[in-house]
C-alpha atoms as a PDB file:
ATOM      1  CA  MET A   1       0.007  -0.089   0.055  1.00  0.00           C
ATOM      2  CA  GLN A   2       2.875   2.532   0.721  1.00  0.00           C
ATOM      3  CA  LYS A   3       4.462   1.747  -2.587  1.00  0.00           C
ATOM      4  CA  ALA A   4       1.243   3.025  -4.333  1.00  0.00           C
ATOM      5  CA  ILE A   5       1.321   6.162  -2.309  1.00  0.00           C
ATOM      6  CA  VAL A   6       4.982   6.907  -2.881  1.00  0.00           C
ATOM      7  CA  ASP A   7       4.739   5.781  -6.781  1.00  0.00           C
ATOM      8  CA  LYS A   8       1.975   8.427  -6.964  1.00  0.00           C
ATOM      9  CA  LEU A   9       4.081  11.066  -5.306  1.00  0.00           C
ATOM     10  CA  MET A  10       7.085  10.258  -7.199  1.00  0.00           C
ATOM     11  CA  ASP A  11       5.119  10.508 -10.614  1.00  0.00           C
ATOM     12  CA  PHE A  12       3.661  13.677  -9.366  1.00  0.00           C
ATOM     13  CA  CYS A  13       6.852  15.128  -8.811  1.00  0.00           C
ATOM     14  CA  GLU A  14       8.356  14.045 -12.252  1.00  0.00           C
ATOM     15  CA  LEU A  15       5.205  15.052 -14.065  1.00  0.00           C
ATOM     16  CA  HIS A  16       4.472  18.186 -12.381  1.00  0.00           C
ATOM     17  CA  GLY A  17       8.051  19.306 -11.307  1.00  0.00           C
ATOM     18  CA  ALA A  18       8.010  22.243 -13.903  1.00  0.00           C
ATOM     19  CA  GLN A  19       4.630  23.653 -12.520  1.00  0.00           C
ATOM     20  CA  ILE A  20       5.653  23.173  -9.072  1.00  0.00           C
ATOM     21  CA  ALA A  21       8.734  24.817  -9.774  1.00  0.00           C
ATOM     22  CA  GLU A  22       6.983  28.063 -11.212  1.00  0.00           C
ATOM     23  CA  GLU A  23       5.098  28.235  -8.177  1.00  0.00           C
ATOM     24  CA  TRP A  24       8.232  27.872  -5.796  1.00  0.00           C
ATOM     25  CA  TYR A  25       9.827  30.675  -8.070  1.00  0.00           C
ATOM     26  CA  LYS A  26       6.717  33.011  -7.682  1.00  0.00           C
ATOM     27  CA  ALA A  27       6.959  32.507  -4.024  1.00  0.00           C
ATOM     28  CA  LEU A  28      10.839  32.856  -4.133  1.00  0.00           C
ATOM     29  CA  SER A  29      11.141  35.860  -5.914  1.00  0.00           C
ATOM     30  CA  THR A  30       8.465  37.829  -3.788  1.00  0.00           C
ATOM     31  CA  ASN A  31       9.528  36.664  -0.333  1.00  0.00           C
ATOM     32  CA  PRO A  32      11.472  39.232   1.823  1.00  0.00           C
ATOM     33  CA  ARG A  33      13.689  36.411   3.205  1.00  0.00           C
ATOM     34  CA  THR A  34      15.032  35.637  -0.387  1.00  0.00           C
ATOM     35  CA  VAL A  35      15.926  39.327  -1.750  1.00  0.00           C
ATOM     36  CA  SER A  36      19.398  38.148  -3.194  1.00  0.00           C
ATOM     37  CA  TRP A  37      17.619  35.435  -5.241  1.00  0.00           C
ATOM     38  CA  ARG A  38      16.200  38.241  -7.541  1.00  0.00           C
ATOM     39  CA  GLN A  39      19.594  38.652  -9.063  1.00  0.00           C
ATOM     40  CA  MET A  40      19.627  35.215 -10.302  1.00  0.00           C
ATOM     41  CA  PRO A  41      18.250  34.498 -13.705  1.00  0.00           C
ATOM     42  CA  LYS A  42      14.976  32.924 -13.499  1.00  0.00           C
ATOM     43  CA  GLU A  43      15.997  30.039 -15.763  1.00  0.00           C
ATOM     44  CA  SER A  44      18.914  29.162 -13.739  1.00  0.00           C
ATOM     45  CA  SER A  45      16.969  29.072 -10.299  1.00  0.00           C
ATOM     46  CA  LEU A  46      14.190  26.901 -12.039  1.00  0.00           C
ATOM     47  CA  ARG A  47      16.887  24.518 -13.519  1.00  0.00           C
ATOM     48  CA  HIS A  48      18.182  23.880  -9.919  1.00  0.00           C
ATOM     49  CA  VAL A  49      15.056  23.169  -8.408  1.00  0.00           C
ATOM     50  CA  ASN A  50      13.805  21.152 -11.651  1.00  0.00           C
ATOM     51  CA  THR A  51      16.900  18.965 -11.023  1.00  0.00           C
ATOM     52  CA  LEU A  52      15.706  18.353  -7.326  1.00  0.00           C
ATOM     53  CA  TYR A  53      12.160  17.524  -8.423  1.00  0.00           C
ATOM     54  CA  GLU A  54      13.160  15.419 -11.389  1.00  0.00           C
ATOM     55  CA  ASN A  55      15.720  13.423  -9.239  1.00  0.00           C
ATOM     56  CA  MET A  56      13.252  12.889  -6.474  1.00  0.00           C
ATOM     57  CA  GLU A  57      12.379   9.341  -7.162  1.00  0.00           C
ATOM     58  CA  LYS A  58      16.248   8.290  -7.405  1.00  0.00           C
ATOM     59  CA  MET A  59      16.927  10.270  -3.981  1.00  0.00           C
ATOM     60  CA  PHE A  60      14.035   8.956  -2.457  1.00  0.00           C
ATOM     61  CA  PHE A  61      14.800   5.194  -2.929  1.00  0.00           C
ATOM     62  CA  ALA A  62      18.330   5.352  -3.034  1.00  0.00           C
ATOM     63  CA  ASP A  63      20.070   2.874  -0.670  1.00  0.00           C
ATOM     64  CA  ASP A  64      22.468   5.702   0.419  1.00  0.00           C
ATOM     65  CA  CYS A  65      20.058   8.677   0.294  1.00  0.00           C
ATOM     66  CA  TYR A  66      22.927  11.215   1.217  1.00  0.00           C
ATOM     67  CA  LYS A  67      25.144  10.121  -1.618  1.00  0.00           C
ATOM     68  CA  ALA A  68      22.219  10.387  -4.093  1.00  0.00           C
ATOM     69  CA  VAL A  69      21.328  14.092  -3.022  1.00  0.00           C
ATOM     70  CA  GLU A  70      25.058  14.892  -3.098  1.00  0.00           C
ATOM     71  CA  HIS A  71      25.346  13.598  -6.637  1.00  0.00           C
ATOM     72  CA  ALA A  72      22.009  15.614  -7.747  1.00  0.00           C
ATOM     73  CA  LEU A  73      23.590  18.867  -6.408  1.00  0.00           C
ATOM     74  CA  ASP A  74      26.937  18.113  -7.910  1.00  0.00           C
ATOM     75  CA  VAL A  75      25.686  17.253 -11.265  1.00  0.00           C
ATOM     76  CA  GLY A  76      23.993  20.620 -11.754  1.00  0.00           C
ATOM     77  CA  GLY A  77      26.546  22.725  -9.768  1.00  0.00           C
ATOM     78  CA  PHE A  78      23.951  23.887  -7.132  1.00  0.00           C
ATOM     79  CA  VAL A  79      25.926  25.014  -4.487  1.00  0.00           C
ATOM     80  CA  GLU A  80      28.722  26.285  -6.831  1.00  0.00           C
ATOM     81  CA  GLU A  81      26.475  28.674  -8.741  1.00  0.00           C
ATOM     82  CA  PHE A  82      24.631  30.127  -5.764  1.00  0.00           C
ATOM     83  CA  TYR A  83      27.981  30.766  -3.988  1.00  0.00           C
ATOM     84  CA  ALA A  84      29.653  32.318  -7.169  1.00  0.00           C
ATOM     85  CA  ARG A  85      26.579  34.635  -7.703  1.00  0.00           C
ATOM     86  CA  GLY A  86      26.973  35.737  -3.993  1.00  0.00           C
ATOM     87  CA  ILE A  87      23.445  34.458  -2.814  1.00  0.00           C
ATOM     88  CA  PRO A  88      23.828  34.327   0.788  1.00  0.00           C
ATOM     89  CA  LEU A  89      23.782  30.651   2.602  1.00  0.00           C
ATOM     90  CA  GLU A  90      20.591  31.587   4.793  1.00  0.00           C
ATOM     91  CA  GLU A  91      18.810  32.660   1.481  1.00  0.00           C
ATOM     92  CA  VAL A  92      19.705  29.371  -0.198  1.00  0.00           C
ATOM     93  CA  VAL A  93      18.751  27.459   2.678  1.00  0.00           C
ATOM     94  CA  TYR A  94      15.400  29.085   2.806  1.00  0.00           C
ATOM     95  CA  GLY A  95      15.070  28.394  -0.890  1.00  0.00           C
ATOM     96  CA  LEU A  96      15.568  24.606  -0.242  1.00  0.00           C
ATOM     97  CA  ILE A  97      12.748  25.028   2.439  1.00  0.00           C
ATOM     98  CA  LEU A  98      10.324  26.686   0.088  1.00  0.00           C
ATOM     99  CA  ALA A  99      11.268  23.739  -2.268  1.00  0.00           C
ATOM    100  CA  ARG A 100      10.356  21.087  -0.224  1.00  0.00           C
ATOM    101  CA  ARG A 101       7.337  22.942   1.047  1.00  0.00           C
ATOM    102  CA  HIS A 102       5.958  23.540  -2.554  1.00  0.00           C
ATOM    103  CA  ILE A 103       5.848  19.762  -3.233  1.00  0.00           C
ATOM    104  CA  TRP A 104       3.094  19.515  -0.557  1.00  0.00           C
ATOM    105  CA  LEU A 105       1.373  22.690  -1.223  1.00  0.00           C
ATOM    106  CA  TYR A 106       1.099  21.715  -5.159  1.00  0.00           C
ATOM    107  CA  ALA A 107       0.098  18.080  -4.097  1.00  0.00           C
ATOM    108  CA  ASP A 108      -2.878  19.530  -1.732  1.00  0.00           C
ATOM    109  CA  ALA A 109      -3.933  21.895  -4.286  1.00  0.00           C
ATOM    110  CA  GLN A 110      -4.303  19.091  -7.026  1.00  0.00           C
ATOM    111  CA  ALA A 111      -6.101  17.069  -4.448  1.00  0.00           C
ATOM    112  CA  LEU A 112      -3.325  14.117  -5.150  1.00  0.00           C
ATOM    113  CA  PHE A 113      -4.495  12.108  -2.000  1.00  0.00           C
ATOM    114  CA  ASP A 114      -7.804  10.734  -0.873  1.00  0.00           C
ATOM    115  CA  LEU A 115      -6.337   9.119   2.426  1.00  0.00           C
ATOM    116  CA  ASN A 116      -7.967   6.391   4.602  1.00  0.00           C
ATOM    117  CA  MET A 117      -6.010   5.712   7.930  1.00  0.00           C
ATOM    118  CA  THR A 118      -3.675   3.169   6.434  1.00  0.00           C
ATOM    119  CA  ASP A 119      -2.928   5.615   3.578  1.00  0.00           C
ATOM    120  CA  MET A 120      -2.402   8.297   5.968  1.00  0.00           C
ATOM    121  CA  TYR A 121       0.255   6.301   7.944  1.00  0.00           C
ATOM    122  CA  ASN A 122       2.085   5.640   4.733  1.00  0.00           C
ATOM    123  CA  TYR A 123       1.716   9.197   3.668  1.00  0.00           C
ATOM    124  CA  VAL A 124       3.465  10.450   6.920  1.00  0.00           C
ATOM    125  CA  ASN A 125       6.376   7.906   6.096  1.00  0.00           C
ATOM    126  CA  SER A 126       6.625   9.315   2.717  1.00  0.00           C
ATOM    127  CA  THR A 127       6.616  12.903   4.187  1.00  0.00           C
ATOM    128  CA  ASN A 128       9.345  11.950   6.490  1.00  0.00           C
ATOM    129  CA  ARG A 129      11.582  10.589   3.380  1.00  0.00           C
ATOM    130  CA  ILE A 130      11.158  13.761   1.484  1.00  0.00           C
ATOM    131  CA  LEU A 131      12.120  15.691   4.666  1.00  0.00           C
ATOM    132  CA  LEU A 132      15.279  13.640   4.788  1.00  0.00           C
ATOM    133  CA  VAL A 133      16.202  14.328   1.293  1.00  0.00           C
ATOM    134  CA  PHE A 134      15.894  18.099   1.871  1.00  0.00           C
ATOM    135  CA  ASP A 135      17.659  17.887   4.905  1.00  0.00           C
ATOM    136  CA  TYR A 136      20.706  16.250   3.289  1.00  0.00           C
ATOM    137  CA  ALA A 137      20.605  18.978   0.687  1.00  0.00           C
ATOM    138  CA  THR A 138      20.561  21.572   3.238  1.00  0.00           C
ATOM    139  CA  TYR A 139      23.475  19.985   5.015  1.00  0.00           C
ATOM    140  CA  ILE A 140      25.502  19.581   1.883  1.00  0.00           C
ATOM    141  CA  THR A 141      24.756  22.982   0.790  1.00  0.00           C
ATOM    142  CA  THR A 142      26.083  24.443   4.180  1.00  0.00           C
ATOM    143  CA  ARG A 143      28.957  22.159   4.117  1.00  0.00           C
ATOM    144  CA  LYS A 144      30.150  23.198   0.538  1.00  0.00           C
ATOM    145  CA  TYR A 145      29.602  26.898   1.326  1.00  0.00           C
ATOM    146  CA  ARG A 146      32.004  26.558   4.118  1.00  0.00           C
ATOM    147  CA  GLU A 147      34.638  24.529   1.960  1.00  0.00           C
ATOM    148  CA  LEU A 148      34.254  27.193  -0.704  1.00  0.00           C
ATOM    149  CA  ALA A 149      34.617  30.109   1.867  1.00  0.00           C
ATOM    150  CA  THR A 150      37.721  28.411   3.248  1.00  0.00           C
ATOM    151  CA  ARG A 151      39.353  27.635  -0.244  1.00  0.00           C
ATOM    152  CA  ILE A 152      38.622  31.204  -1.484  1.00  0.00           C
ATOM    153  CA  GLY A 153      38.876  33.215   1.665  1.00  0.00           C
ATOM    154  CA  LYS A 154      35.601  34.783   2.575  1.00  0.00           C
ATOM    155  CA  PRO A 155      32.058  34.140   2.346  1.00  0.00           C
ATOM    156  CA  PRO A 156      30.066  35.420  -0.625  1.00  0.00           C
ATOM    157  CA  GLN A 157      28.406  38.707  -0.510  1.00  0.00           C
ATOM    158  CA  ALA A 158      25.130  39.585  -2.153  1.00  0.00           C
ATOM    159  CA  GLY A 159      25.029  41.832  -4.964  1.00  0.00           C
ATOM    160  CA  PHE A 160      28.128  40.642  -7.208  1.00  0.00           C
ATOM    161  CA  SER A 161      29.485  37.605  -8.743  1.00  0.00           C
ATOM    162  CA  ARG A 162      32.839  36.689  -8.268  1.00  0.00           C
ATOM    163  CA  GLN A 163      35.374  33.831  -7.240  1.00  0.00           C
ATOM    164  CA  LEU A 164      33.880  30.900  -9.386  1.00  0.00           C
ATOM    165  CA  PRO A 165      33.385  30.856 -13.080  1.00  0.00           C
ATOM    166  CA  LEU A 166      29.639  30.062 -14.078  1.00  0.00           C
ATOM    167  CA  SER A 167      29.944  27.468 -16.442  1.00  0.00           C
END
């Protein structure tokens, strides 16, 4: 029974990732806690969050969830781009929080789940696993920011792009 709910949620993330990302971007670009993101090109922001949504199933079911999340972030240069563009760490973390939250907001708006008690239990377990994916993404992001700051010599400052070339 849990598999059916999880499959439904993973299919939902894959099929509706672009729409979820658009809703996320609307919230992100108007949120007073994410002012520096407004300097980021919309396409770049959407590309990064879409990578998370499109890889949700791989990360969710991975034997080593941490490694799967780290790989997904590394492939797209997630941390490196935000660092190079001077987006403060707390804003990147809040962007991840909003990305996680928008999965559930969009699923709820689409009435994805019609749950009985057993399904509700499995839904909560699925929620916990998605929380783990985003918790790992947050941890990896903060760790890499620290590593970049140590290697380059200072933390990024909003308002300018420096240090790392954007590829």
